[in-house]
Amino acid sequence: MEAIKEAIAGLPEGERHSQALWLKELGYDEWDKEMVKDFSQGGRGHHLVERVKRDIAEGNSRPMDSVIFQF
């Protein structure tokens, strides 16, 4: 790990910036995969998806723009 840190520290500023963006995107990709897993059938958040679907079907919801843009 130290060798990697030293190598990154030795990069020109523009390349360090590109490396930082790449690492950030890598984290987003992992987060996206975790979200898909969590909200898929059998995932720990799947019950929330089912609840939202039920609320919509029962008419217990409002359009998002009526809530977000009410100010």
C-alpha atoms as a PDB file:
ATOM      1  CA  MET A   1       0.000   0.000   0.000  1.00  0.00           C
ATOM      2  CA  GLU A   2       2.804   2.394   0.809  1.00  0.00           C
ATOM      3  CA  ALA A   3       4.371   1.785  -2.598  1.00  0.00           C
ATOM      4  CA  ILE A   4       1.066   2.635  -4.261  1.00  0.00           C
ATOM      5  CA  LYS A   5       0.733   5.815  -2.198  1.00  0.00           C
ATOM      6  CA  GLU A   6       4.264   6.861  -3.099  1.00  0.00           C
ATOM      7  CA  ALA A   7       3.675   6.145  -6.794  1.00  0.00           C
ATOM      8  CA  ILE A   8       0.501   8.229  -6.797  1.00  0.00           C
ATOM      9  CA  ALA A   9       2.186  11.050  -4.884  1.00  0.00           C
ATOM     10  CA  GLY A  10       4.911  11.088  -7.540  1.00  0.00           C
ATOM     11  CA  LEU A  11       2.486  11.598 -10.418  1.00  0.00           C
ATOM     12  CA  PRO A  12       2.087  14.991 -12.056  1.00  0.00           C
ATOM     13  CA  GLU A  13      -0.934  16.906 -10.722  1.00  0.00           C
ATOM     14  CA  GLY A  14      -3.108  16.211 -13.774  1.00  0.00           C
ATOM     15  CA  GLU A  15      -2.455  12.483 -13.580  1.00  0.00           C
ATOM     16  CA  ARG A  16      -3.163  12.473  -9.825  1.00  0.00           C
ATOM     17  CA  HIS A  17      -6.475  14.172 -10.563  1.00  0.00           C
ATOM     18  CA  SER A  18      -7.310  11.566 -13.218  1.00  0.00           C
ATOM     19  CA  GLN A  19      -6.379   8.798 -10.775  1.00  0.00           C
ATOM     20  CA  ALA A  20      -8.607  10.303  -8.085  1.00  0.00           C
ATOM     21  CA  LEU A  21     -11.546  10.463 -10.496  1.00  0.00           C
ATOM     22  CA  TRP A  22     -10.973   6.855 -11.514  1.00  0.00           C
ATOM     23  CA  LEU A  23     -10.968   5.715  -7.875  1.00  0.00           C
ATOM     24  CA  LYS A  24     -14.130   7.697  -7.209  1.00  0.00           C
ATOM     25  CA  GLU A  25     -15.871   6.075 -10.184  1.00  0.00           C
ATOM     26  CA  LEU A  26     -14.712   2.664  -9.004  1.00  0.00           C
ATOM     27  CA  GLY A  27     -16.378   3.342  -5.669  1.00  0.00           C
ATOM     28  CA  TYR A  28     -19.587   4.405  -7.403  1.00  0.00           C
ATOM     29  CA  ASP A  29     -19.598   1.194  -9.446  1.00  0.00           C
ATOM     30  CA  GLU A  30     -19.294  -0.868  -6.266  1.00  0.00           C
ATOM     31  CA  TRP A  31     -22.027   1.188  -4.591  1.00  0.00           C
ATOM     32  CA  ASP A  32     -24.314   0.706  -7.597  1.00  0.00           C
ATOM     33  CA  LYS A  33     -23.782  -3.061  -7.465  1.00  0.00           C
ATOM     34  CA  GLU A  34     -24.585  -3.090  -3.755  1.00  0.00           C
ATOM     35  CA  MET A  35     -27.783  -1.091  -4.341  1.00  0.00           C
ATOM     36  CA  VAL A  36     -28.943  -3.519  -7.031  1.00  0.00           C
ATOM     37  CA  LYS A  37     -28.227  -6.437  -4.698  1.00  0.00           C
ATOM     38  CA  ASP A  38     -29.980  -4.821  -1.732  1.00  0.00           C
ATOM     39  CA  PHE A  39     -33.164  -3.921  -3.608  1.00  0.00           C
ATOM     40  CA  SER A  40     -33.465  -7.085  -5.717  1.00  0.00           C
ATOM     41  CA  GLN A  41     -35.680 -10.016  -4.769  1.00  0.00           C
ATOM     42  CA  GLY A  42     -34.428 -11.344  -1.433  1.00  0.00           C
ATOM     43  CA  GLY A  43     -32.239  -8.306  -0.728  1.00  0.00           C
ATOM     44  CA  ARG A  44     -32.370  -6.485   2.568  1.00  0.00           C
ATOM     45  CA  GLY A  45     -34.177  -3.482   1.056  1.00  0.00           C
ATOM     46  CA  HIS A  46     -36.572  -5.398  -1.184  1.00  0.00           C
ATOM     47  CA  HIS A  47     -39.400  -5.010   1.326  1.00  0.00           C
ATOM     48  CA  LEU A  48     -39.179  -1.236   0.777  1.00  0.00           C
ATOM     49  CA  VAL A  49     -39.604  -1.670  -2.978  1.00  0.00           C
ATOM     50  CA  GLU A  50     -42.673  -3.799  -2.381  1.00  0.00           C
ATOM     51  CA  ARG A  51     -44.078  -1.220   0.043  1.00  0.00           C
ATOM     52  CA  VAL A  52     -43.629   1.595  -2.482  1.00  0.00           C
ATOM     53  CA  LYS A  53     -45.269  -0.470  -5.224  1.00  0.00           C
ATOM     54  CA  ARG A  54     -48.197  -1.220  -2.903  1.00  0.00           C
ATOM     55  CA  ASP A  55     -48.563   2.439  -1.904  1.00  0.00           C
ATOM     56  CA  ILE A  56     -48.605   3.510  -5.559  1.00  0.00           C
ATOM     57  CA  ALA A  57     -51.151   0.820  -6.484  1.00  0.00           C
ATOM     58  CA  GLU A  58     -53.389   1.916  -3.595  1.00  0.00           C
ATOM     59  CA  GLY A  59     -53.161   5.581  -4.568  1.00  0.00           C
ATOM     60  CA  ASN A  60     -51.169   6.514  -1.468  1.00  0.00           C
ATOM     61  CA  SER A  61     -48.543   8.551  -3.286  1.00  0.00           C
ATOM     62  CA  ARG A  62     -48.026  11.928  -4.923  1.00  0.00           C
ATOM     63  CA  PRO A  63     -46.000  12.874  -7.982  1.00  0.00           C
ATOM     64  CA  MET A  64     -42.416  13.631  -6.975  1.00  0.00           C
ATOM     65  CA  ASP A  65     -42.468  17.104  -8.519  1.00  0.00           C
ATOM     66  CA  SER A  66     -45.406  18.063  -6.285  1.00  0.00           C
ATOM     67  CA  VAL A  67     -43.217  17.392  -3.247  1.00  0.00           C
ATOM     68  CA  ILE A  68     -39.793  18.554  -4.436  1.00  0.00           C
ATOM     69  CA  PHE A  69     -40.808  21.785  -6.146  1.00  0.00           C
ATOM     70  CA  GLN A  70     -43.368  23.042  -3.637  1.00  0.00           C
ATOM     71  CA  PHE A  71     -41.131  25.872  -2.386  1.00  0.00           C
END
